[in-house]
C-alpha atoms as a PDB file:
ATOM      1  CA  MET A   1     -18.976  23.776 -12.567  1.00  0.00           C
ATOM      2  CA  SER A   2     -16.249  21.141 -12.380  1.00  0.00           C
ATOM      3  CA  LYS A   3     -15.880  18.679  -9.494  1.00  0.00           C
ATOM      4  CA  LYS A   4     -12.947  20.709  -8.201  1.00  0.00           C
ATOM      5  CA  GLU A   5     -14.998  23.927  -8.156  1.00  0.00           C
ATOM      6  CA  ILE A   6     -17.953  22.187  -6.486  1.00  0.00           C
ATOM      7  CA  GLY A   7     -15.621  20.780  -3.854  1.00  0.00           C
ATOM      8  CA  LEU A   8     -14.133  24.217  -3.263  1.00  0.00           C
ATOM      9  CA  LEU A   9     -17.601  25.783  -2.964  1.00  0.00           C
ATOM     10  CA  VAL A  10     -18.563  23.155  -0.388  1.00  0.00           C
ATOM     11  CA  LEU A  11     -15.352  23.884   1.522  1.00  0.00           C
ATOM     12  CA  VAL A  12     -16.125  27.624   1.468  1.00  0.00           C
ATOM     13  CA  LEU A  13     -19.619  26.970   2.843  1.00  0.00           C
ATOM     14  CA  VAL A  14     -18.344  24.582   5.546  1.00  0.00           C
ATOM     15  CA  VAL A  15     -15.548  26.907   6.715  1.00  0.00           C
ATOM     16  CA  GLY A  16     -17.987  29.829   6.630  1.00  0.00           C
ATOM     17  CA  ALA A  17     -20.518  27.898   8.696  1.00  0.00           C
ATOM     18  CA  VAL A  18     -17.861  26.901  11.251  1.00  0.00           C
ATOM     19  CA  THR A  19     -16.618  30.491  11.472  1.00  0.00           C
ATOM     20  CA  GLY A  20     -20.185  31.756  11.898  1.00  0.00           C
ATOM     21  CA  PHE A  21     -20.780  29.168  14.643  1.00  0.00           C
ATOM     22  CA  LEU A  22     -17.632  30.211  16.514  1.00  0.00           C
ATOM     23  CA  ASN A  23     -18.556  33.879  16.262  1.00  0.00           C
ATOM     24  CA  PRO A  24     -22.030  34.937  15.080  1.00  0.00           C
ATOM     25  CA  LEU A  25     -20.634  38.407  14.290  1.00  0.00           C
ATOM     26  CA  PHE A  26     -19.060  36.802  11.220  1.00  0.00           C
ATOM     27  CA  LEU A  27     -22.517  36.767   9.640  1.00  0.00           C
ATOM     28  CA  SER A  28     -23.283  40.371  10.560  1.00  0.00           C
ATOM     29  CA  ARG A  29     -24.036  42.746   7.700  1.00  0.00           C
ATOM     30  CA  VAL A  30     -21.077  44.977   8.524  1.00  0.00           C
ATOM     31  CA  ASN A  31     -18.603  42.106   8.500  1.00  0.00           C
ATOM     32  CA  LEU A  32     -20.006  40.548   5.321  1.00  0.00           C
ATOM     33  CA  LEU A  33     -19.852  43.874   3.475  1.00  0.00           C
ATOM     34  CA  ASN A  34     -16.314  44.488   4.691  1.00  0.00           C
ATOM     35  CA  MET A  35     -15.327  41.000   3.568  1.00  0.00           C
ATOM     36  CA  ALA A  36     -17.015  41.544   0.182  1.00  0.00           C
ATOM     37  CA  ASN A  37     -14.920  44.687  -0.229  1.00  0.00           C
ATOM     38  CA  LEU A  38     -11.709  42.798   0.578  1.00  0.00           C
ATOM     39  CA  ILE A  39     -12.687  39.953  -1.742  1.00  0.00           C
ATOM     40  CA  GLY A  40     -13.105  42.496  -4.527  1.00  0.00           C
ATOM     41  CA  LEU A  41      -9.796  44.216  -3.760  1.00  0.00           C
ATOM     42  CA  PHE A  42      -7.771  41.008  -3.672  1.00  0.00           C
ATOM     43  CA  GLY A  43      -9.741  39.070  -6.249  1.00  0.00           C
ATOM     44  CA  VAL A  44      -9.000  41.388  -9.184  1.00  0.00           C
ATOM     45  CA  PHE A  45      -5.235  40.985  -9.128  1.00  0.00           C
ATOM     46  CA  SER A  46      -5.501  37.328  -8.067  1.00  0.00           C
ATOM     47  CA  ILE A  47      -7.202  36.631 -11.396  1.00  0.00           C
ATOM     48  CA  GLY A  48      -4.198  38.169 -13.161  1.00  0.00           C
ATOM     49  CA  GLN A  49      -1.853  36.028 -11.100  1.00  0.00           C
ATOM     50  CA  GLY A  50      -3.935  32.962 -11.949  1.00  0.00           C
ATOM     51  CA  LEU A  51      -3.627  33.603 -15.692  1.00  0.00           C
ATOM     52  CA  VAL A  52       0.158  33.740 -15.367  1.00  0.00           C
ATOM     53  CA  ILE A  53       0.252  30.576 -13.254  1.00  0.00           C
ATOM     54  CA  ILE A  54      -1.865  28.731 -15.831  1.00  0.00           C
ATOM     55  CA  THR A  55       0.922  29.342 -18.383  1.00  0.00           C
ATOM     56  CA  GLY A  56       3.410  27.770 -15.984  1.00  0.00           C
ATOM     57  CA  GLY A  57       4.824  31.123 -14.834  1.00  0.00           C
ATOM     58  CA  ILE A  58       4.560  33.239 -11.717  1.00  0.00           C
ATOM     59  CA  ASP A  59       4.522  36.950 -10.877  1.00  0.00           C
ATOM     60  CA  LEU A  60       6.313  37.962  -7.679  1.00  0.00           C
ATOM     61  CA  SER A  61       6.309  41.670  -8.458  1.00  0.00           C
ATOM     62  CA  VAL A  62       2.617  42.454  -7.912  1.00  0.00           C
ATOM     63  CA  GLY A  63       2.937  44.111  -4.505  1.00  0.00           C
ATOM     64  CA  SER A  64       5.846  46.288  -5.605  1.00  0.00           C
ATOM     65  CA  MET A  65       3.926  47.287  -8.736  1.00  0.00           C
ATOM     66  CA  PHE A  66       1.174  48.559  -6.442  1.00  0.00           C
ATOM     67  CA  ALA A  67       3.693  50.696  -4.558  1.00  0.00           C
ATOM     68  CA  LEU A  68       5.256  52.228  -7.674  1.00  0.00           C
ATOM     69  CA  LEU A  69       2.021  52.807  -9.579  1.00  0.00           C
ATOM     70  CA  GLY A  70       0.333  54.008  -6.371  1.00  0.00           C
ATOM     71  CA  VAL A  71       2.813  56.792  -5.647  1.00  0.00           C
ATOM     72  CA  VAL A  72       2.765  57.879  -9.297  1.00  0.00           C
ATOM     73  CA  PHE A  73      -1.052  57.915  -9.263  1.00  0.00           C
ATOM     74  CA  ILE A  74      -1.265  60.054  -6.122  1.00  0.00           C
ATOM     75  CA  ASP A  75       1.483  62.358  -7.373  1.00  0.00           C
ATOM     76  CA  LEU A  76      -0.362  62.961 -10.636  1.00  0.00           C
ATOM     77  CA  LEU A  77      -3.593  63.820  -8.834  1.00  0.00           C
ATOM     78  CA  ALA A  78      -2.348  65.664  -5.759  1.00  0.00           C
ATOM     79  CA  ASN A  79       0.770  67.437  -6.972  1.00  0.00           C
ATOM     80  CA  HIS A  80       0.389  67.888 -10.718  1.00  0.00           C
ATOM     81  CA  GLY A  81      -3.344  68.525 -11.008  1.00  0.00           C
ATOM     82  CA  VAL A  82      -3.887  65.846 -13.657  1.00  0.00           C
ATOM     83  CA  ALA A  83      -7.581  65.129 -14.288  1.00  0.00           C
ATOM     84  CA  TRP A  84      -8.538  61.830 -12.703  1.00  0.00           C
ATOM     85  CA  PRO A  85      -9.690  60.109 -15.945  1.00  0.00           C
ATOM     86  CA  LEU A  86      -6.261  60.764 -17.469  1.00  0.00           C
ATOM     87  CA  ALA A  87      -4.443  59.709 -14.281  1.00  0.00           C
ATOM     88  CA  LEU A  88      -6.508  56.526 -14.210  1.00  0.00           C
ATOM     89  CA  LEU A  89      -5.638  55.735 -17.826  1.00  0.00           C
ATOM     90  CA  LEU A  90      -1.953  56.420 -17.170  1.00  0.00           C
ATOM     91  CA  VAL A  91      -1.894  54.006 -14.217  1.00  0.00           C
ATOM     92  CA  LEU A  92      -3.658  51.334 -16.256  1.00  0.00           C
ATOM     93  CA  PHE A  93      -1.185  51.920 -19.083  1.00  0.00           C
ATOM     94  CA  GLY A  94       1.667  51.700 -16.563  1.00  0.00           C
ATOM     95  CA  GLY A  95       0.422  48.298 -15.428  1.00  0.00           C
ATOM     96  CA  LEU A  96       0.124  47.092 -19.011  1.00  0.00           C
ATOM     97  CA  LEU A  97       3.621  48.410 -19.770  1.00  0.00           C
ATOM     98  CA  LEU A  98       5.204  46.625 -16.810  1.00  0.00           C
ATOM     99  CA  GLY A  99       3.339  43.444 -17.730  1.00  0.00           C
ATOM    100  CA  SER A 100       4.633  43.785 -21.301  1.00  0.00           C
ATOM    101  CA  ILE A 101       8.209  44.113 -20.039  1.00  0.00           C
ATOM    102  CA  HIS A 102       7.795  40.951 -17.974  1.00  0.00           C
ATOM    103  CA  GLY A 103       6.350  39.111 -20.961  1.00  0.00           C
ATOM    104  CA  LEU A 104       9.142  40.213 -23.298  1.00  0.00           C
ATOM    105  CA  LEU A 105      11.873  39.273 -20.835  1.00  0.00           C
ATOM    106  CA  VAL A 106      10.342  35.826 -20.359  1.00  0.00           C
ATOM    107  CA  THR A 107       9.566  35.083 -24.009  1.00  0.00           C
ATOM    108  CA  ARG A 108      12.215  37.021 -25.951  1.00  0.00           C
ATOM    109  CA  ALA A 109      15.161  37.034 -23.556  1.00  0.00           C
ATOM    110  CA  GLY A 110      14.394  33.507 -22.344  1.00  0.00           C
ATOM    111  CA  LEU A 111      14.630  34.416 -18.656  1.00  0.00           C
ATOM    112  CA  GLN A 112      12.782  32.439 -16.003  1.00  0.00           C
ATOM    113  CA  PRO A 113       9.540  34.082 -14.772  1.00  0.00           C
ATOM    114  CA  PHE A 114      10.730  33.690 -11.179  1.00  0.00           C
ATOM    115  CA  VAL A 115      13.909  35.669 -11.894  1.00  0.00           C
ATOM    116  CA  VAL A 116      12.185  38.355 -13.979  1.00  0.00           C
ATOM    117  CA  THR A 117       9.445  39.095 -11.484  1.00  0.00           C
ATOM    118  CA  LEU A 118      11.721  38.776  -8.448  1.00  0.00           C
ATOM    119  CA  CYS A 119      13.912  41.473  -9.986  1.00  0.00           C
ATOM    120  CA  GLY A 120      10.741  43.462 -10.673  1.00  0.00           C
ATOM    121  CA  LEU A 121       9.772  43.133  -7.018  1.00  0.00           C
ATOM    122  CA  LEU A 122      13.071  44.712  -5.975  1.00  0.00           C
ATOM    123  CA  ILE A 123      13.283  47.319  -8.738  1.00  0.00           C
ATOM    124  CA  TYR A 124       9.711  48.637  -8.423  1.00  0.00           C
ATOM    125  CA  ARG A 125       9.859  48.832  -4.630  1.00  0.00           C
ATOM    126  CA  GLY A 126      13.191  50.638  -4.763  1.00  0.00           C
ATOM    127  CA  ALA A 127      11.935  53.007  -7.472  1.00  0.00           C
ATOM    128  CA  ALA A 128       8.815  53.824  -5.415  1.00  0.00           C
ATOM    129  CA  ARG A 129      10.908  54.616  -2.341  1.00  0.00           C
ATOM    130  CA  TYR A 130      13.302  56.787  -4.359  1.00  0.00           C
ATOM    131  CA  TYR A 131      10.415  58.573  -6.108  1.00  0.00           C
ATOM    132  CA  THR A 132       8.973  59.759  -2.791  1.00  0.00           C
ATOM    133  CA  GLY A 133      12.165  60.019  -0.761  1.00  0.00           C
ATOM    134  CA  ASP A 134      10.754  57.132   1.293  1.00  0.00           C
ATOM    135  CA  ALA A 135       7.912  59.395   2.460  1.00  0.00           C
ATOM    136  CA  THR A 136       4.248  58.435   2.651  1.00  0.00           C
ATOM    137  CA  MET A 137       2.067  60.099   0.027  1.00  0.00           C
ATOM    138  CA  GLY A 138      -1.602  60.994   0.431  1.00  0.00           C
ATOM    139  CA  PHE A 139      -4.286  62.954  -1.374  1.00  0.00           C
ATOM    140  CA  GLY A 140      -4.284  65.784   1.152  1.00  0.00           C
ATOM    141  CA  TYR A 141      -6.885  68.391   0.164  1.00  0.00           C
ATOM    142  CA  THR A 142      -7.094  67.389  -3.484  1.00  0.00           C
ATOM    143  CA  ASP A 143     -10.464  68.382  -4.939  1.00  0.00           C
ATOM    144  CA  GLY A 144     -12.514  66.894  -7.749  1.00  0.00           C
ATOM    145  CA  LEU A 145     -12.095  63.251  -6.772  1.00  0.00           C
ATOM    146  CA  ASP A 146     -15.611  62.567  -5.512  1.00  0.00           C
ATOM    147  CA  THR A 147     -16.655  60.538  -8.554  1.00  0.00           C
ATOM    148  CA  LEU A 148     -13.468  58.470  -8.619  1.00  0.00           C
ATOM    149  CA  THR A 149     -13.612  57.961  -4.855  1.00  0.00           C
ATOM    150  CA  TRP A 150     -17.148  56.611  -5.181  1.00  0.00           C
ATOM    151  CA  LEU A 151     -16.210  54.362  -8.099  1.00  0.00           C
ATOM    152  CA  ALA A 152     -13.218  52.908  -6.249  1.00  0.00           C
ATOM    153  CA  SER A 153     -14.450  52.687  -2.683  1.00  0.00           C
ATOM    154  CA  GLY A 154     -18.184  53.458  -2.692  1.00  0.00           C
ATOM    155  CA  ARG A 155     -21.220  51.199  -2.832  1.00  0.00           C
ATOM    156  CA  SER A 156     -24.004  50.599  -5.315  1.00  0.00           C
ATOM    157  CA  TYR A 157     -27.295  49.334  -3.855  1.00  0.00           C
ATOM    158  CA  GLY A 158     -25.367  48.565  -0.668  1.00  0.00           C
ATOM    159  CA  VAL A 159     -22.768  46.395  -2.412  1.00  0.00           C
ATOM    160  CA  PRO A 160     -19.100  47.542  -2.457  1.00  0.00           C
ATOM    161  CA  ASN A 161     -18.091  48.705  -5.924  1.00  0.00           C
ATOM    162  CA  SER A 162     -14.836  46.756  -5.618  1.00  0.00           C
ATOM    163  CA  PHE A 163     -16.870  43.543  -5.369  1.00  0.00           C
ATOM    164  CA  ILE A 164     -18.997  44.555  -8.358  1.00  0.00           C
ATOM    165  CA  ALA A 165     -15.787  45.263 -10.302  1.00  0.00           C
ATOM    166  CA  LEU A 166     -14.535  41.766  -9.427  1.00  0.00           C
ATOM    167  CA  VAL A 167     -17.753  40.162 -10.672  1.00  0.00           C
ATOM    168  CA  ILE A 168     -17.574  42.066 -13.982  1.00  0.00           C
ATOM    169  CA  ILE A 169     -13.890  41.257 -14.478  1.00  0.00           C
ATOM    170  CA  ALA A 170     -14.429  37.608 -13.510  1.00  0.00           C
ATOM    171  CA  VAL A 171     -17.189  37.264 -16.129  1.00  0.00           C
ATOM    172  CA  ILE A 172     -15.030  38.880 -18.822  1.00  0.00           C
ATOM    173  CA  MET A 173     -11.917  36.877 -17.934  1.00  0.00           C
ATOM    174  CA  GLY A 174     -14.042  33.724 -17.658  1.00  0.00           C
ATOM    175  CA  ILE A 175     -15.156  34.202 -21.255  1.00  0.00           C
ATOM    176  CA  VAL A 176     -11.569  34.926 -22.332  1.00  0.00           C
ATOM    177  CA  LEU A 177     -10.136  31.890 -20.547  1.00  0.00           C
ATOM    178  CA  HIS A 178     -12.867  29.319 -21.109  1.00  0.00           C
ATOM    179  CA  ARG A 179     -14.629  30.423 -24.288  1.00  0.00           C
ATOM    180  CA  SER A 180     -11.913  31.895 -26.530  1.00  0.00           C
ATOM    181  CA  VAL A 181      -9.081  30.576 -28.646  1.00  0.00           C
ATOM    182  CA  PHE A 182      -6.608  32.575 -26.570  1.00  0.00           C
ATOM    183  CA  GLY A 183      -7.836  30.803 -23.429  1.00  0.00           C
ATOM    184  CA  ARG A 184      -7.365  27.381 -25.020  1.00  0.00           C
ATOM    185  CA  TYR A 185      -3.867  28.421 -26.026  1.00  0.00           C
ATOM    186  CA  LEU A 186      -3.104  29.455 -22.425  1.00  0.00           C
ATOM    187  CA  PHE A 187      -3.952  25.981 -21.185  1.00  0.00           C
ATOM    188  CA  ALA A 188      -2.050  24.336 -24.040  1.00  0.00           C
ATOM    189  CA  VAL A 189       1.093  26.337 -23.332  1.00  0.00           C
ATOM    190  CA  GLY A 190       0.857  25.601 -19.616  1.00  0.00           C
ATOM    191  CA  ARG A 191       0.509  21.856 -20.149  1.00  0.00           C
ATOM    192  CA  ASN A 192       3.279  21.494 -22.705  1.00  0.00           C
ATOM    193  CA  GLU A 193       4.797  24.591 -24.283  1.00  0.00           C
ATOM    194  CA  GLU A 194       6.963  22.656 -26.721  1.00  0.00           C
ATOM    195  CA  ALA A 195       4.037  20.595 -27.992  1.00  0.00           C
ATOM    196  CA  ALA A 196       1.955  23.775 -28.311  1.00  0.00           C
ATOM    197  CA  ARG A 197       4.721  25.377 -30.370  1.00  0.00           C
ATOM    198  CA  TYR A 198       4.893  22.372 -32.704  1.00  0.00           C
ATOM    199  CA  ALA A 199       1.101  22.575 -33.049  1.00  0.00           C
ATOM    200  CA  GLY A 200       1.512  26.040 -34.572  1.00  0.00           C
ATOM    201  CA  ILE A 201       0.639  28.112 -31.510  1.00  0.00           C
ATOM    202  CA  ARG A 202       2.676  31.297 -31.139  1.00  0.00           C
ATOM    203  CA  THR A 203       3.562  30.491 -27.566  1.00  0.00           C
ATOM    204  CA  GLY A 204       5.579  33.654 -27.013  1.00  0.00           C
ATOM    205  CA  LEU A 205       2.600  35.871 -27.766  1.00  0.00           C
ATOM    206  CA  VAL A 206       0.339  33.747 -25.563  1.00  0.00           C
ATOM    207  CA  VAL A 207       2.655  33.910 -22.557  1.00  0.00           C
ATOM    208  CA  ALA A 208       3.296  37.621 -23.070  1.00  0.00           C
ATOM    209  CA  GLY A 209      -0.467  38.157 -23.298  1.00  0.00           C
ATOM    210  CA  ALA A 210      -0.933  36.557 -19.868  1.00  0.00           C
ATOM    211  CA  TYR A 211       1.624  38.890 -18.298  1.00  0.00           C
ATOM    212  CA  ILE A 212       0.090  41.927 -20.029  1.00  0.00           C
ATOM    213  CA  LEU A 213      -3.380  41.052 -18.722  1.00  0.00           C
ATOM    214  CA  ALA A 214      -1.926  40.507 -15.245  1.00  0.00           C
ATOM    215  CA  GLY A 215      -0.228  43.913 -15.434  1.00  0.00           C
ATOM    216  CA  GLY A 216      -3.427  45.636 -16.520  1.00  0.00           C
ATOM    217  CA  LEU A 217      -5.388  44.063 -13.668  1.00  0.00           C
ATOM    218  CA  ALA A 218      -2.613  45.093 -11.266  1.00  0.00           C
ATOM    219  CA  GLY A 219      -2.958  48.672 -12.525  1.00  0.00           C
ATOM    220  CA  LEU A 220      -6.699  48.611 -11.845  1.00  0.00           C
ATOM    221  CA  SER A 221      -6.133  47.052  -8.423  1.00  0.00           C
ATOM    222  CA  THR A 222      -3.681  49.844  -7.608  1.00  0.00           C
ATOM    223  CA  VAL A 223      -6.444  52.432  -7.948  1.00  0.00           C
ATOM    224  CA  LEU A 224      -8.840  50.386  -5.799  1.00  0.00           C
ATOM    225  CA  LEU A 225      -6.222  49.798  -3.105  1.00  0.00           C
ATOM    226  CA  VAL A 226      -5.078  53.432  -3.032  1.00  0.00           C
ATOM    227  CA  PHE A 227      -8.604  54.597  -2.270  1.00  0.00           C
ATOM    228  CA  TYR A 228      -8.984  51.824   0.304  1.00  0.00           C
ATOM    229  CA  THR A 229      -5.970  53.097   2.269  1.00  0.00           C
ATOM    230  CA  ASN A 230      -6.098  56.787   1.125  1.00  0.00           C
ATOM    231  CA  SER A 231      -2.305  56.901   1.221  1.00  0.00           C
ATOM    232  CA  VAL A 232       0.729  55.006  -0.001  1.00  0.00           C
ATOM    233  CA  SER A 233       3.783  54.178   2.075  1.00  0.00           C
ATOM    234  CA  PRO A 234       6.290  53.051  -0.572  1.00  0.00           C
ATOM    235  CA  SER A 235       8.139  50.754   1.815  1.00  0.00           C
ATOM    236  CA  SER A 236       5.075  48.726   2.819  1.00  0.00           C
ATOM    237  CA  PHE A 237       2.150  49.403   0.466  1.00  0.00           C
ATOM    238  CA  GLY A 238       1.179  46.130  -1.221  1.00  0.00           C
ATOM    239  CA  SER A 239       3.935  44.272   0.597  1.00  0.00           C
ATOM    240  CA  PHE A 240       3.567  40.493   0.187  1.00  0.00           C
ATOM    241  CA  TYR A 241       0.292  40.899  -1.710  1.00  0.00           C
ATOM    242  CA  GLU A 242       1.723  38.555  -4.318  1.00  0.00           C
ATOM    243  CA  LEU A 243       1.479  35.874  -1.623  1.00  0.00           C
ATOM    244  CA  TYR A 244      -2.249  36.470  -1.296  1.00  0.00           C
ATOM    245  CA  ALA A 245      -2.661  36.252  -5.062  1.00  0.00           C
ATOM    246  CA  ILE A 246      -0.652  33.024  -5.336  1.00  0.00           C
ATOM    247  CA  ALA A 247      -2.483  31.506  -2.370  1.00  0.00           C
ATOM    248  CA  ALA A 248      -5.890  32.418  -3.838  1.00  0.00           C
ATOM    249  CA  ALA A 249      -4.951  30.952  -7.222  1.00  0.00           C
ATOM    250  CA  VAL A 250      -3.557  27.755  -5.692  1.00  0.00           C
ATOM    251  CA  LEU A 251      -6.583  27.374  -3.413  1.00  0.00           C
ATOM    252  CA  GLY A 252      -8.742  27.918  -6.501  1.00  0.00           C
ATOM    253  CA  GLY A 253      -7.208  24.947  -8.293  1.00  0.00           C
ATOM    254  CA  CYS A 254      -4.465  26.590 -10.386  1.00  0.00           C
ATOM    255  CA  SER A 255      -1.597  24.136 -10.698  1.00  0.00           C
ATOM    256  CA  LEU A 256       1.827  25.647 -10.068  1.00  0.00           C
ATOM    257  CA  ARG A 257       3.072  23.425 -12.900  1.00  0.00           C
ATOM    258  CA  GLY A 258       0.694  25.220 -15.268  1.00  0.00           C
ATOM    259  CA  GLY A 259      -2.094  24.050 -17.543  1.00  0.00           C
ATOM    260  CA  ASP A 260      -4.908  23.936 -15.001  1.00  0.00           C
ATOM    261  CA  GLY A 261      -7.203  26.438 -13.303  1.00  0.00           C
ATOM    262  CA  SER A 262     -10.396  28.437 -13.693  1.00  0.00           C
ATOM    263  CA  ILE A 263     -11.624  31.963 -13.038  1.00  0.00           C
ATOM    264  CA  LEU A 264     -14.439  30.732 -10.798  1.00  0.00           C
ATOM    265  CA  GLY A 265     -11.926  28.693  -8.840  1.00  0.00           C
ATOM    266  CA  ILE A 266      -9.692  31.749  -8.312  1.00  0.00           C
ATOM    267  CA  VAL A 267     -12.663  33.805  -7.075  1.00  0.00           C
ATOM    268  CA  LEU A 268     -13.700  31.010  -4.705  1.00  0.00           C
ATOM    269  CA  GLY A 269     -10.084  30.731  -3.561  1.00  0.00           C
ATOM    270  CA  THR A 270     -10.113  34.456  -2.765  1.00  0.00           C
ATOM    271  CA  VAL A 271     -13.369  34.053  -0.821  1.00  0.00           C
ATOM    272  CA  LEU A 272     -11.961  31.105   1.145  1.00  0.00           C
ATOM    273  CA  LEU A 273      -8.795  33.045   1.891  1.00  0.00           C
ATOM    274  CA  GLN A 274     -10.755  35.952   3.357  1.00  0.00           C
ATOM    275  CA  ILE A 275     -12.911  33.598   5.434  1.00  0.00           C
ATOM    276  CA  LEU A 276      -9.736  31.975   6.761  1.00  0.00           C
ATOM    277  CA  GLN A 277      -8.439  35.439   7.674  1.00  0.00           C
ATOM    278  CA  ASN A 278     -11.666  36.023   9.619  1.00  0.00           C
ATOM    279  CA  LEU A 279     -11.277  32.645  11.286  1.00  0.00           C
ATOM    280  CA  VAL A 280      -7.715  33.488  12.320  1.00  0.00           C
ATOM    281  CA  ASN A 281      -8.960  36.672  13.967  1.00  0.00           C
ATOM    282  CA  ILE A 282     -11.865  34.891  15.654  1.00  0.00           C
ATOM    283  CA  LEU A 283      -9.565  32.217  17.108  1.00  0.00           C
ATOM    284  CA  GLY A 284      -7.356  34.937  18.551  1.00  0.00           C
ATOM    285  CA  ILE A 285      -4.318  33.952  16.507  1.00  0.00           C
ATOM    286  CA  PRO A 286      -1.880  36.917  16.397  1.00  0.00           C
ATOM    287  CA  SER A 287      -2.036  38.877  13.149  1.00  0.00           C
ATOM    288  CA  SER A 288       1.742  38.527  12.941  1.00  0.00           C
ATOM    289  CA  LEU A 289       1.144  34.884  11.996  1.00  0.00           C
ATOM    290  CA  ASN A 290      -0.959  35.795   8.935  1.00  0.00           C
ATOM    291  CA  PHE A 291       1.978  35.216   6.620  1.00  0.00           C
ATOM    292  CA  ALA A 292       2.580  31.833   8.248  1.00  0.00           C
ATOM    293  CA  VAL A 293      -1.040  30.977   7.482  1.00  0.00           C
ATOM    294  CA  MET A 294      -0.531  32.078   3.853  1.00  0.00           C
ATOM    295  CA  GLY A 295       2.591  29.954   3.585  1.00  0.00           C
ATOM    296  CA  GLY A 296       0.734  26.967   5.006  1.00  0.00           C
ATOM    297  CA  VAL A 297      -2.117  27.446   2.548  1.00  0.00           C
ATOM    298  CA  ILE A 298       0.259  27.552  -0.432  1.00  0.00           C
ATOM    299  CA  LEU A 299       2.134  24.490   0.859  1.00  0.00           C
ATOM    300  CA  LEU A 300      -1.089  22.509   1.332  1.00  0.00           C
ATOM    301  CA  GLY A 301      -2.304  23.535  -2.114  1.00  0.00           C
ATOM    302  CA  ALA A 302       0.992  22.500  -3.722  1.00  0.00           C
ATOM    303  CA  PHE A 303       0.923  19.181  -1.850  1.00  0.00           C
ATOM    304  CA  ALA A 304      -2.666  18.486  -2.936  1.00  0.00           C
ATOM    305  CA  ASP A 305      -1.761  19.347  -6.533  1.00  0.00           C
ATOM    306  CA  GLN A 306       1.200  16.955  -6.378  1.00  0.00           C
ATOM    307  CA  GLN A 307      -1.003  14.125  -5.068  1.00  0.00           C
ATOM    308  CA  LEU A 308      -3.595  14.683  -7.792  1.00  0.00           C
ATOM    309  CA  ALA A 309      -0.880  14.650 -10.445  1.00  0.00           C
ATOM    310  CA  GLN A 310       0.504  11.362  -9.142  1.00  0.00           C
ATOM    311  CA  ARG A 311      -2.961   9.764  -9.148  1.00  0.00           C
ATOM    312  CA  SER A 312      -3.511  10.981 -12.687  1.00  0.00           C
ATOM    313  CA  ARG A 313      -0.243   9.413 -13.835  1.00  0.00           C
ATOM    314  CA  ILE A 314      -1.133   6.135 -12.109  1.00  0.00           C
ATOM    315  CA  LYS A 315      -4.541   6.033 -13.835  1.00  0.00           C
ATOM    316  CA  ARG A 316      -2.960   6.668 -17.255  1.00  0.00           C
ATOM    317  CA  ALA A 317      -0.454   3.898 -16.609  1.00  0.00           C
END
C-alpha cells in the first residue's frame, strides 16, 4: 500500500469510528450489510470511471447509460421472453459498445472527453425516455429469474453478492492496472500523452481501451442496479451517479489531471463515500443536500490534488 492509500484507510477508520460513536446503529449488522451492498453497487462502475480519469479523461454519461441499458434489459426479459443469460450478455455488449463509441470519438475524431460524454449523457437519457414513452418499466410477473436475481441481489455466506462482485473485479482490475503493460501505458498516457506517443505507445488504443472497460463495467452495474430497484424510471434511474463515481475516484487518489490513481484507492474512496452518506443521515442533514455533499467532496479532492501537485513541482525545482 502507498502512503496515500494508508492515509485514506486511516481516514475511513476514523470517520467510521466517529459515525459509530454518534450512532451505535451504524455498526449494526443490518446497516453494515446494507452499506456493503451499496459499496458493491457503486464501486463497480467507480472503478471504470477511475480508469478513464487516470488517462486524463472523464465519463459524464454513466448514469444515462444505466437508464438506457436498464430499460432495454427489462424489456428483453419481461416483454420479449429472452433467456436471462442472453439478455445479460446483450447488456454487457451494449456497455462495451457505448464505451467503444466514446473511445473512438475521443481518439479518432479528436473530441474532448467532456464533450463526448456530456452528449452521451443527454442522448442516452433521451433515448431511454423515448424507448419507454417516459413510463417506468418493471419485471412484473416475469418467471425464470430466480438464479439471476440471486446472483445480482442475493447473498453468499451472509455477504451481499454485489460486494463479492466488487472484490473480484477490484482484484482483476488491480492486476490489469498495476501488473500489466496496459496498466503502465494508462499511467504514461495520463501523465503525458505526447511523450507516451513518442515513446512508441499507441495512445489511441490505450485511451479507447479505458473507455471500453468503463463501458463494460457500466453494463454489469446496470444489471446489479436494476435488481436493486426492481424497476427503471428512465427520467431518474442512475441520475447523477456519475457524480458518485467521480467523487469516489477523486477521494481514492485519482488525479483529475490524469496519470495517478489506484484500484484500492477507488474502492476505499467508495467506502468513505458511503460512510459519509451514513454520517449525513445520522446528523439529520436533509437528503436533498446529498448532491451538495458530493460537490464539496469533489471540490476538496481537486483542491488537495492541486496542493500536492504544487508541492511536487517545488521539490523538483
